Amino acid sequence: MQRDESVWKDAAKFKPERFIDSSYSKRNPFTYLPFSAGPRNCIGQRYAMMELKIVLFHLLKTFQLEATQEESELKEHMAVIHRTDNGLLIKCLQRKEKEN
């Protein structure tokens, strides 16, 4: 797919400047998938997700998150991802260590 001559001129050559070309934005987004999909997916993706979960676990174990805004202050934005237009402000408080 990345070496299809009908889509990419000199497809076998390393030419990063081809992505700056204005015609690139008009191409089908599936003509270039650097990390692939399906069984040939990026081998680092699972590792990155596992690492993210471990870091998040340690952050939540060490800190307590507290909202600094009232719910009425939040402006919701519904799209592919449910989020707020004006951000979400939180305060991180150090958790106290439990005594044995």
PDB file of N, CA and C in Angstrom:
ATOM      1  N   MET A   1       0.828  -1.186   0.000  1.00  0.00           N
ATOM      2  CA  MET A   1       0.000   0.000   0.000  1.00  0.00           C
ATOM      3  C   MET A   1       0.881   1.262   0.000  1.00  0.00           C
ATOM      4  N   GLN A   2       1.932   1.286   0.817  1.00  0.00           N
ATOM      5  CA  GLN A   2       2.808   2.453   0.859  1.00  0.00           C
ATOM      6  C   GLN A   2       3.692   2.552  -0.389  1.00  0.00           C
ATOM      7  N   ARG A   3       3.772   1.480  -1.165  1.00  0.00           N
ATOM      8  CA  ARG A   3       4.649   1.477  -2.340  1.00  0.00           C
ATOM      9  C   ARG A   3       3.864   1.365  -3.647  1.00  0.00           C
ATOM     10  N   ASP A   4       2.608   1.759  -3.605  1.00  0.00           N
ATOM     11  CA  ASP A   4       1.753   1.696  -4.789  1.00  0.00           C
ATOM     12  C   ASP A   4       2.101   2.852  -5.724  1.00  0.00           C
ATOM     13  N   GLU A   5       2.641   2.519  -6.894  1.00  0.00           N
ATOM     14  CA  GLU A   5       3.076   3.542  -7.864  1.00  0.00           C
ATOM     15  C   GLU A   5       1.908   4.392  -8.378  1.00  0.00           C
ATOM     16  N   SER A   6       0.683   3.866  -8.322  1.00  0.00           N
ATOM     17  CA  SER A   6      -0.464   4.661  -8.788  1.00  0.00           C
ATOM     18  C   SER A   6      -0.815   5.767  -7.793  1.00  0.00           C
ATOM     19  N   VAL A   7      -0.341   5.636  -6.562  1.00  0.00           N
ATOM     20  CA  VAL A   7      -0.611   6.639  -5.532  1.00  0.00           C
ATOM     21  C   VAL A   7       0.619   7.494  -5.258  1.00  0.00           C
ATOM     22  N   TRP A   8       1.787   6.868  -5.206  1.00  0.00           N
ATOM     23  CA  TRP A   8       3.030   7.540  -4.836  1.00  0.00           C
ATOM     24  C   TRP A   8       4.014   7.531  -5.996  1.00  0.00           C
ATOM     25  N   LYS A   9       4.472   8.698  -6.402  1.00  0.00           N
ATOM     26  CA  LYS A   9       5.518   8.798  -7.426  1.00  0.00           C
ATOM     27  C   LYS A   9       6.835   8.364  -6.790  1.00  0.00           C
ATOM     28  N   ASP A  10       7.596   7.527  -7.465  1.00  0.00           N
ATOM     29  CA  ASP A  10       8.849   6.971  -6.920  1.00  0.00           C
ATOM     30  C   ASP A  10       8.598   6.348  -5.545  1.00  0.00           C
ATOM     31  N   ALA A  11       7.628   5.468  -5.489  1.00  0.00           N
ATOM     32  CA  ALA A  11       7.166   4.888  -4.221  1.00  0.00           C
ATOM     33  C   ALA A  11       8.253   4.170  -3.434  1.00  0.00           C
ATOM     34  N   ALA A  12       9.219   3.575  -4.087  1.00  0.00           N
ATOM     35  CA  ALA A  12      10.255   2.810  -3.393  1.00  0.00           C
ATOM     36  C   ALA A  12      11.326   3.705  -2.770  1.00  0.00           C
ATOM     37  N   LYS A  13      11.362   4.988  -3.132  1.00  0.00           N
ATOM     38  CA  LYS A  13      12.372   5.906  -2.609  1.00  0.00           C
ATOM     39  C   LYS A  13      11.909   6.571  -1.319  1.00  0.00           C
ATOM     40  N   PHE A  14      12.876   6.829  -0.424  1.00  0.00           N
ATOM     41  CA  PHE A  14      12.605   7.543   0.818  1.00  0.00           C
ATOM     42  C   PHE A  14      12.540   9.031   0.503  1.00  0.00           C
ATOM     43  N   LYS A  15      11.330   9.599   0.542  1.00  0.00           N
ATOM     44  CA  LYS A  15      11.136  11.011   0.217  1.00  0.00           C
ATOM     45  C   LYS A  15      10.148  11.625   1.215  1.00  0.00           C
ATOM     46  N   PRO A  16      10.613  12.054   2.382  1.00  0.00           N
ATOM     47  CA  PRO A  16       9.698  12.636   3.378  1.00  0.00           C
ATOM     48  C   PRO A  16       8.979  13.887   2.882  1.00  0.00           C
ATOM     49  N   GLU A  17       9.573  14.593   1.932  1.00  0.00           N
ATOM     50  CA  GLU A  17       8.951  15.821   1.429  1.00  0.00           C
ATOM     51  C   GLU A  17       7.628  15.566   0.716  1.00  0.00           C
ATOM     52  N   ARG A  18       7.352  14.312   0.354  1.00  0.00           N
ATOM     53  CA  ARG A  18       6.081  14.017  -0.328  1.00  0.00           C
ATOM     54  C   ARG A  18       4.882  14.305   0.572  1.00  0.00           C
ATOM     55  N   PHE A  19       5.072  14.350   1.886  1.00  0.00           N
ATOM     56  CA  PHE A  19       3.964  14.615   2.800  1.00  0.00           C
ATOM     57  C   PHE A  19       3.707  16.113   2.972  1.00  0.00           C
ATOM     58  N   ILE A  20       4.590  16.947   2.456  1.00  0.00           N
ATOM     59  CA  ILE A  20       4.413  18.400   2.495  1.00  0.00           C
ATOM     60  C   ILE A  20       3.603  18.849   1.277  1.00  0.00           C
ATOM     61  N   ASP A  21       3.652  18.063   0.230  1.00  0.00           N
ATOM     62  CA  ASP A  21       2.955  18.344  -1.027  1.00  0.00           C
ATOM     63  C   ASP A  21       1.473  18.608  -0.769  1.00  0.00           C
ATOM     64  N   SER A  22       0.901  19.615  -1.423  1.00  0.00           N
ATOM     65  CA  SER A  22      -0.509  19.960  -1.217  1.00  0.00           C
ATOM     66  C   SER A  22      -1.451  18.847  -1.678  1.00  0.00           C
ATOM     67  N   SER A  23      -1.022  18.025  -2.613  1.00  0.00           N
ATOM     68  CA  SER A  23      -1.886  16.945  -3.097  1.00  0.00           C
ATOM     69  C   SER A  23      -2.025  15.828  -2.059  1.00  0.00           C
ATOM     70  N   TYR A  24      -1.128  15.792  -1.065  1.00  0.00           N
ATOM     71  CA  TYR A  24      -1.188  14.756  -0.041  1.00  0.00           C
ATOM     72  C   TYR A  24      -2.499  14.813   0.743  1.00  0.00           C
ATOM     73  N   SER A  25      -2.970  16.015   1.048  1.00  0.00           N
ATOM     74  CA  SER A  25      -4.206  16.158   1.826  1.00  0.00           C
ATOM     75  C   SER A  25      -5.433  15.680   1.054  1.00  0.00           C
ATOM     76  N   LYS A  26      -5.331  15.593  -0.276  1.00  0.00           N
ATOM     77  CA  LYS A  26      -6.459  15.144  -1.101  1.00  0.00           C
ATOM     78  C   LYS A  26      -6.484  13.627  -1.269  1.00  0.00           C
ATOM     79  N   ARG A  27      -5.411  12.946  -0.852  1.00  0.00           N
ATOM     80  CA  ARG A  27      -5.355  11.491  -0.993  1.00  0.00           C
ATOM     81  C   ARG A  27      -6.238  10.804   0.031  1.00  0.00           C
ATOM     82  N   ASN A  28      -6.607   9.585  -0.265  1.00  0.00           N
ATOM     83  CA  ASN A  28      -7.355   8.751   0.672  1.00  0.00           C
ATOM     84  C   ASN A  28      -6.482   8.545   1.916  1.00  0.00           C
ATOM     85  N   PRO A  29      -7.018   8.740   3.119  1.00  0.00           N
ATOM     86  CA  PRO A  29      -6.199   8.603   4.327  1.00  0.00           C
ATOM     87  C   PRO A  29      -5.647   7.196   4.541  1.00  0.00           C
ATOM     88  N   PHE A  30      -6.204   6.204   3.843  1.00  0.00           N
ATOM     89  CA  PHE A  30      -5.730   4.830   4.012  1.00  0.00           C
ATOM     90  C   PHE A  30      -4.645   4.445   3.006  1.00  0.00           C
ATOM     91  N   THR A  31      -4.124   5.416   2.268  1.00  0.00           N
ATOM     92  CA  THR A  31      -3.022   5.100   1.357  1.00  0.00           C
ATOM     93  C   THR A  31      -1.684   5.040   2.086  1.00  0.00           C
ATOM     94  N   TYR A  32      -1.664   5.530   3.322  1.00  0.00           N
ATOM     95  CA  TYR A  32      -0.430   5.472   4.107  1.00  0.00           C
ATOM     96  C   TYR A  32      -0.785   5.182   5.560  1.00  0.00           C
ATOM     97  N   LEU A  33      -0.408   4.027   6.048  1.00  0.00           N
ATOM     98  CA  LEU A  33      -0.637   3.633   7.437  1.00  0.00           C
ATOM     99  C   LEU A  33       0.710   3.210   8.030  1.00  0.00           C
ATOM    100  N   PRO A  34       1.469   4.137   8.602  1.00  0.00           N
ATOM    101  CA  PRO A  34       2.810   3.790   9.077  1.00  0.00           C
ATOM    102  C   PRO A  34       2.833   2.748  10.189  1.00  0.00           C
ATOM    103  N   PHE A  35       1.793   2.681  11.012  1.00  0.00           N
ATOM    104  CA  PHE A  35       1.782   1.716  12.108  1.00  0.00           C
ATOM    105  C   PHE A  35       0.831   0.566  11.836  1.00  0.00           C
ATOM    106  N   SER A  36       0.270   0.543  10.644  1.00  0.00           N
ATOM    107  CA  SER A  36      -0.570  -0.547  10.181  1.00  0.00           C
ATOM    108  C   SER A  36      -1.817  -0.715  11.030  1.00  0.00           C
ATOM    109  N   ALA A  37      -2.472  -1.834  10.814  1.00  0.00           N
ATOM    110  CA  ALA A  37      -3.690  -2.174  11.550  1.00  0.00           C
ATOM    111  C   ALA A  37      -3.856  -3.679  11.469  1.00  0.00           C
ATOM    112  N   GLY A  38      -4.675  -4.213  12.331  1.00  0.00           N
ATOM    113  CA  GLY A  38      -4.922  -5.652  12.304  1.00  0.00           C
ATOM    114  C   GLY A  38      -3.731  -6.460  12.786  1.00  0.00           C
ATOM    115  N   PRO A  39      -3.514  -7.655  12.216  1.00  0.00           N
ATOM    116  CA  PRO A  39      -2.450  -8.536  12.707  1.00  0.00           C
ATOM    117  C   PRO A  39      -1.042  -7.976  12.506  1.00  0.00           C
ATOM    118  N   ARG A  40      -0.891  -7.008  11.619  1.00  0.00           N
ATOM    119  CA  ARG A  40       0.436  -6.412  11.381  1.00  0.00           C
ATOM    120  C   ARG A  40       0.577  -5.068  12.086  1.00  0.00           C
ATOM    121  N   ASN A  41      -0.115  -4.916  13.168  1.00  0.00           N
ATOM    122  CA  ASN A  41      -0.120  -3.678  13.926  1.00  0.00           C
ATOM    123  C   ASN A  41       1.272  -3.380  14.498  1.00  0.00           C
ATOM    124  N   CYS A  42       1.490  -2.148  14.875  1.00  0.00           N
ATOM    125  CA  CYS A  42       2.761  -1.716  15.473  1.00  0.00           C
ATOM    126  C   CYS A  42       3.071  -2.572  16.699  1.00  0.00           C
ATOM    127  N   ILE A  43       4.246  -3.181  16.739  1.00  0.00           N
ATOM    128  CA  ILE A  43       4.586  -4.076  17.851  1.00  0.00           C
ATOM    129  C   ILE A  43       4.756  -3.314  19.162  1.00  0.00           C
ATOM    130  N   GLY A  44       4.989  -2.028  19.090  1.00  0.00           N
ATOM    131  CA  GLY A  44       5.173  -1.240  20.308  1.00  0.00           C
ATOM    132  C   GLY A  44       3.876  -0.734  20.910  1.00  0.00           C
ATOM    133  N   GLN A  45       2.750  -0.889  20.201  1.00  0.00           N
ATOM    134  CA  GLN A  45       1.487  -0.341  20.687  1.00  0.00           C
ATOM    135  C   GLN A  45       1.056  -0.991  22.002  1.00  0.00           C
ATOM    136  N   ARG A  46       1.122  -2.306  22.113  1.00  0.00           N
ATOM    137  CA  ARG A  46       0.728  -2.983  23.348  1.00  0.00           C
ATOM    138  C   ARG A  46       1.631  -2.574  24.507  1.00  0.00           C
ATOM    139  N   TYR A  47       2.921  -2.482  24.241  1.00  0.00           N
ATOM    140  CA  TYR A  47       3.871  -2.075  25.280  1.00  0.00           C
ATOM    141  C   TYR A  47       3.562  -0.654  25.747  1.00  0.00           C
ATOM    142  N   ALA A  48       3.286   0.242  24.813  1.00  0.00           N
ATOM    143  CA  ALA A  48       2.992   1.632  25.161  1.00  0.00           C
ATOM    144  C   ALA A  48       1.723   1.723  26.006  1.00  0.00           C
ATOM    145  N   MET A  49       0.694   0.951  25.671  1.00  0.00           N
ATOM    146  CA  MET A  49      -0.546   0.965  26.452  1.00  0.00           C
ATOM    147  C   MET A  49      -0.313   0.402  27.855  1.00  0.00           C
ATOM    148  N   MET A  50       0.474  -0.664  27.958  1.00  0.00           N
ATOM    149  CA  MET A  50       0.772  -1.253  29.258  1.00  0.00           C
ATOM    150  C   MET A  50       1.562  -0.255  30.112  1.00  0.00           C
ATOM    151  N   GLU A  51       2.527   0.406  29.509  1.00  0.00           N
ATOM    152  CA  GLU A  51       3.334   1.394  30.224  1.00  0.00           C
ATOM    153  C   GLU A  51       2.458   2.559  30.697  1.00  0.00           C
ATOM    154  N   LEU A  52       1.540   2.997  29.853  1.00  0.00           N
ATOM    155  CA  LEU A  52       0.622   4.075  30.209  1.00  0.00           C
ATOM    156  C   LEU A  52      -0.222   3.693  31.426  1.00  0.00           C
ATOM    157  N   LYS A  53      -0.738   2.466  31.447  1.00  0.00           N
ATOM    158  CA  LYS A  53      -1.558   2.001  32.570  1.00  0.00           C
ATOM    159  C   LYS A  53      -0.747   1.932  33.864  1.00  0.00           C
ATOM    160  N   ILE A  54       0.500   1.506  33.767  1.00  0.00           N
ATOM    161  CA  ILE A  54       1.361   1.414  34.958  1.00  0.00           C
ATOM    162  C   ILE A  54       1.649   2.807  35.519  1.00  0.00           C
ATOM    163  N   VAL A  55       1.968   3.753  34.645  1.00  0.00           N
ATOM    164  CA  VAL A  55       2.242   5.131  35.087  1.00  0.00           C
ATOM    165  C   VAL A  55       0.986   5.733  35.715  1.00  0.00           C
ATOM    166  N   LEU A  56      -0.158   5.522  35.081  1.00  0.00           N
ATOM    167  CA  LEU A  56      -1.419   6.045  35.620  1.00  0.00           C
ATOM    168  C   LEU A  56      -1.724   5.440  36.994  1.00  0.00           C
ATOM    169  N   PHE A  57      -1.498   4.138  37.143  1.00  0.00           N
ATOM    170  CA  PHE A  57      -1.700   3.470  38.435  1.00  0.00           C
ATOM    171  C   PHE A  57      -0.849   4.125  39.524  1.00  0.00           C
ATOM    172  N   HIS A  58       0.437   4.340  39.227  1.00  0.00           N
ATOM    173  CA  HIS A  58       1.341   4.926  40.232  1.00  0.00           C
ATOM    174  C   HIS A  58       0.972   6.375  40.548  1.00  0.00           C
ATOM    175  N   LEU A  59       0.505   7.118  39.549  1.00  0.00           N
ATOM    176  CA  LEU A  59       0.062   8.496  39.804  1.00  0.00           C
ATOM    177  C   LEU A  59      -1.158   8.515  40.724  1.00  0.00           C
ATOM    178  N   LEU A  60      -2.138   7.638  40.420  1.00  0.00           N
ATOM    179  CA  LEU A  60      -3.355   7.603  41.233  1.00  0.00           C
ATOM    180  C   LEU A  60      -3.106   7.023  42.618  1.00  0.00           C
ATOM    181  N   LYS A  61      -2.100   6.191  42.739  1.00  0.00           N
ATOM    182  CA  LYS A  61      -1.734   5.637  44.046  1.00  0.00           C
ATOM    183  C   LYS A  61      -1.056   6.708  44.906  1.00  0.00           C
ATOM    184  N   THR A  62      -0.324   7.608  44.273  1.00  0.00           N
ATOM    185  CA  THR A  62       0.443   8.634  44.979  1.00  0.00           C
ATOM    186  C   THR A  62      -0.356   9.920  45.204  1.00  0.00           C
ATOM    187  N   PHE A  63      -1.238  10.263  44.256  1.00  0.00           N
ATOM    188  CA  PHE A  63      -1.971  11.527  44.328  1.00  0.00           C
ATOM    189  C   PHE A  63      -3.476  11.308  44.321  1.00  0.00           C
ATOM    190  N   GLN A  64      -4.165  12.235  44.963  1.00  0.00           N
ATOM    191  CA  GLN A  64      -5.622  12.256  44.930  1.00  0.00           C
ATOM    192  C   GLN A  64      -5.998  13.406  44.002  1.00  0.00           C
ATOM    193  N   LEU A  65      -6.858  13.158  43.031  1.00  0.00           N
ATOM    194  CA  LEU A  65      -7.264  14.194  42.087  1.00  0.00           C
ATOM    195  C   LEU A  65      -8.558  14.830  42.571  1.00  0.00           C
ATOM    196  N   GLU A  66      -8.590  16.163  42.522  1.00  0.00           N
ATOM    197  CA  GLU A  66      -9.759  16.894  43.000  1.00  0.00           C
ATOM    198  C   GLU A  66     -10.115  17.968  41.982  1.00  0.00           C
ATOM    199  N   ALA A  67     -11.376  18.046  41.603  1.00  0.00           N
ATOM    200  CA  ALA A  67     -11.828  19.058  40.643  1.00  0.00           C
ATOM    201  C   ALA A  67     -11.793  20.437  41.288  1.00  0.00           C
ATOM    202  N   THR A  68     -11.395  21.447  40.526  1.00  0.00           N
ATOM    203  CA  THR A  68     -11.373  22.825  41.038  1.00  0.00           C
ATOM    204  C   THR A  68     -12.497  23.657  40.427  1.00  0.00           C
ATOM    205  N   GLN A  69     -13.346  23.019  39.621  1.00  0.00           N
ATOM    206  CA  GLN A  69     -14.471  23.713  38.992  1.00  0.00           C
ATOM    207  C   GLN A  69     -15.766  23.032  39.419  1.00  0.00           C
ATOM    208  N   GLU A  70     -16.822  23.801  39.369  1.00  0.00           N
ATOM    209  CA  GLU A  70     -18.150  23.235  39.604  1.00  0.00           C
ATOM    210  C   GLU A  70     -18.634  22.624  38.282  1.00  0.00           C
ATOM    211  N   GLU A  71     -19.513  21.661  38.388  1.00  0.00           N
ATOM    212  CA  GLU A  71     -20.036  21.004  37.185  1.00  0.00           C
ATOM    213  C   GLU A  71     -20.741  22.006  36.269  1.00  0.00           C
ATOM    214  N   SER A  72     -21.377  23.014  36.847  1.00  0.00           N
ATOM    215  CA  SER A  72     -22.099  24.023  36.050  1.00  0.00           C
ATOM    216  C   SER A  72     -21.151  24.886  35.212  1.00  0.00           C
ATOM    217  N   GLU A  73     -19.875  24.949  35.569  1.00  0.00           N
ATOM    218  CA  GLU A  73     -18.889  25.751  34.833  1.00  0.00           C
ATOM    219  C   GLU A  73     -18.386  25.042  33.565  1.00  0.00           C
ATOM    220  N   LEU A  74     -18.581  23.755  33.482  1.00  0.00           N
ATOM    221  CA  LEU A  74     -18.060  22.982  32.357  1.00  0.00           C
ATOM    222  C   LEU A  74     -18.960  23.110  31.134  1.00  0.00           C
ATOM    223  N   LYS A  75     -18.347  23.302  29.982  1.00  0.00           N
ATOM    224  CA  LYS A  75     -19.082  23.367  28.720  1.00  0.00           C
ATOM    225  C   LYS A  75     -18.768  22.101  27.945  1.00  0.00           C
ATOM    226  N   GLU A  76     -19.747  21.222  27.848  1.00  0.00           N
ATOM    227  CA  GLU A  76     -19.537  19.930  27.202  1.00  0.00           C
ATOM    228  C   GLU A  76     -19.428  20.066  25.687  1.00  0.00           C
ATOM    229  N   HIS A  77     -18.606  19.215  25.124  1.00  0.00           N
ATOM    230  CA  HIS A  77     -18.448  19.140  23.670  1.00  0.00           C
ATOM    231  C   HIS A  77     -18.602  17.676  23.269  1.00  0.00           C
ATOM    232  N   MET A  78     -19.657  17.386  22.533  1.00  0.00           N
ATOM    233  CA  MET A  78     -19.904  16.014  22.096  1.00  0.00           C
ATOM    234  C   MET A  78     -19.320  15.831  20.694  1.00  0.00           C
ATOM    235  N   ALA A  79     -18.408  14.907  20.565  1.00  0.00           N
ATOM    236  CA  ALA A  79     -17.813  14.552  19.282  1.00  0.00           C
ATOM    237  C   ALA A  79     -17.461  13.072  19.375  1.00  0.00           C
ATOM    238  N   VAL A  80     -16.444  12.645  18.686  1.00  0.00           N
ATOM    239  CA  VAL A  80     -16.002  11.262  18.802  1.00  0.00           C
ATOM    240  C   VAL A  80     -15.601  10.994  20.248  1.00  0.00           C
ATOM    241  N   ILE A  81     -14.979  11.991  20.864  1.00  0.00           N
ATOM    242  CA  ILE A  81     -14.578  11.903  22.264  1.00  0.00           C
ATOM    243  C   ILE A  81     -15.372  12.938  23.044  1.00  0.00           C
ATOM    244  N   HIS A  82     -15.979  12.530  24.133  1.00  0.00           N
ATOM    245  CA  HIS A  82     -16.734  13.440  24.987  1.00  0.00           C
ATOM    246  C   HIS A  82     -15.734  14.239  25.816  1.00  0.00           C
ATOM    247  N   ARG A  83     -15.747  15.553  25.671  1.00  0.00           N
ATOM    248  CA  ARG A  83     -14.799  16.394  26.394  1.00  0.00           C
ATOM    249  C   ARG A  83     -15.438  17.731  26.722  1.00  0.00           C
ATOM    250  N   THR A  84     -14.665  18.628  27.319  1.00  0.00           N
ATOM    251  CA  THR A  84     -15.160  19.968  27.606  1.00  0.00           C
ATOM    252  C   THR A  84     -14.472  20.971  26.699  1.00  0.00           C
ATOM    253  N   ASP A  85     -15.189  22.032  26.360  1.00  0.00           N
ATOM    254  CA  ASP A  85     -14.608  23.088  25.518  1.00  0.00           C
ATOM    255  C   ASP A  85     -13.610  23.939  26.292  1.00  0.00           C
ATOM    256  N   ASN A  86     -13.861  24.131  27.568  1.00  0.00           N
ATOM    257  CA  ASN A  86     -13.021  25.025  28.367  1.00  0.00           C
ATOM    258  C   ASN A  86     -12.039  24.286  29.274  1.00  0.00           C
ATOM    259  N   GLY A  87     -11.795  23.012  28.989  1.00  0.00           N
ATOM    260  CA  GLY A  87     -10.817  22.259  29.770  1.00  0.00           C
ATOM    261  C   GLY A  87     -11.382  21.778  31.098  1.00  0.00           C
ATOM    262  N   LEU A  88     -10.602  20.988  31.781  1.00  0.00           N
ATOM    263  CA  LEU A  88     -10.992  20.448  33.072  1.00  0.00           C
ATOM    264  C   LEU A  88      -9.829  20.704  34.024  1.00  0.00           C
ATOM    265  N   LEU A  89     -10.057  21.558  34.983  1.00  0.00           N
ATOM    266  CA  LEU A  89      -8.995  21.909  35.925  1.00  0.00           C
ATOM    267  C   LEU A  89      -9.068  20.997  37.129  1.00  0.00           C
ATOM    268  N   ILE A  90      -7.931  20.399  37.471  1.00  0.00           N
ATOM    269  CA  ILE A  90      -7.870  19.505  38.626  1.00  0.00           C
ATOM    270  C   ILE A  90      -6.696  19.885  39.520  1.00  0.00           C
ATOM    271  N   LYS A  91      -6.787  19.467  40.763  1.00  0.00           N
ATOM    272  CA  LYS A  91      -5.726  19.718  41.735  1.00  0.00           C
ATOM    273  C   LYS A  91      -5.207  18.349  42.160  1.00  0.00           C
ATOM    274  N   CYS A  92      -3.889  18.201  42.228  1.00  0.00           N
ATOM    275  CA  CYS A  92      -3.270  16.948  42.668  1.00  0.00           C
ATOM    276  C   CYS A  92      -2.813  17.109  44.109  1.00  0.00           C
ATOM    277  N   LEU A  93      -3.354  16.282  44.985  1.00  0.00           N
ATOM    278  CA  LEU A  93      -2.989  16.320  46.399  1.00  0.00           C
ATOM    279  C   LEU A  93      -2.228  15.050  46.749  1.00  0.00           C
ATOM    280  N   GLN A  94      -1.127  15.201  47.441  1.00  0.00           N
ATOM    281  CA  GLN A  94      -0.324  14.043  47.852  1.00  0.00           C
ATOM    282  C   GLN A  94      -1.137  13.184  48.809  1.00  0.00           C
ATOM    283  N   ARG A  95      -1.208  11.890  48.543  1.00  0.00           N
ATOM    284  CA  ARG A  95      -1.911  10.969  49.454  1.00  0.00           C
ATOM    285  C   ARG A  95      -1.037  10.724  50.669  1.00  0.00           C
ATOM    286  N   LYS A  96      -1.664  10.548  51.796  1.00  0.00           N
ATOM    287  CA  LYS A  96      -0.915  10.238  53.020  1.00  0.00           C
ATOM    288  C   LYS A  96      -0.618   8.746  53.024  1.00  0.00           C
ATOM    289  N   GLU A  97       0.576   8.401  53.488  1.00  0.00           N
ATOM    290  CA  GLU A  97       0.950   6.994  53.558  1.00  0.00           C
ATOM    291  C   GLU A  97       0.196   6.328  54.696  1.00  0.00           C
ATOM    292  N   LYS A  98      -0.242   5.097  54.430  1.00  0.00           N
ATOM    293  CA  LYS A  98      -0.968   4.354  55.469  1.00  0.00           C
ATOM    294  C   LYS A  98       0.019   3.828  56.497  1.00  0.00           C
ATOM    295  N   GLU A  99      -0.388   3.871  57.738  1.00  0.00           N
ATOM    296  CA  GLU A  99       0.453   3.327  58.807  1.00  0.00           C
ATOM    297  C   GLU A  99       0.075   1.873  59.011  1.00  0.00           C
ATOM    298  N   ASN A 100       1.072   1.025  59.253  1.00  0.00           N
ATOM    299  CA  ASN A 100       0.805  -0.397  59.453  1.00  0.00           C
ATOM    300  C   ASN A 100       0.309  -0.680  60.841  1.00  0.00           C
TER     301      ASN A 100
END
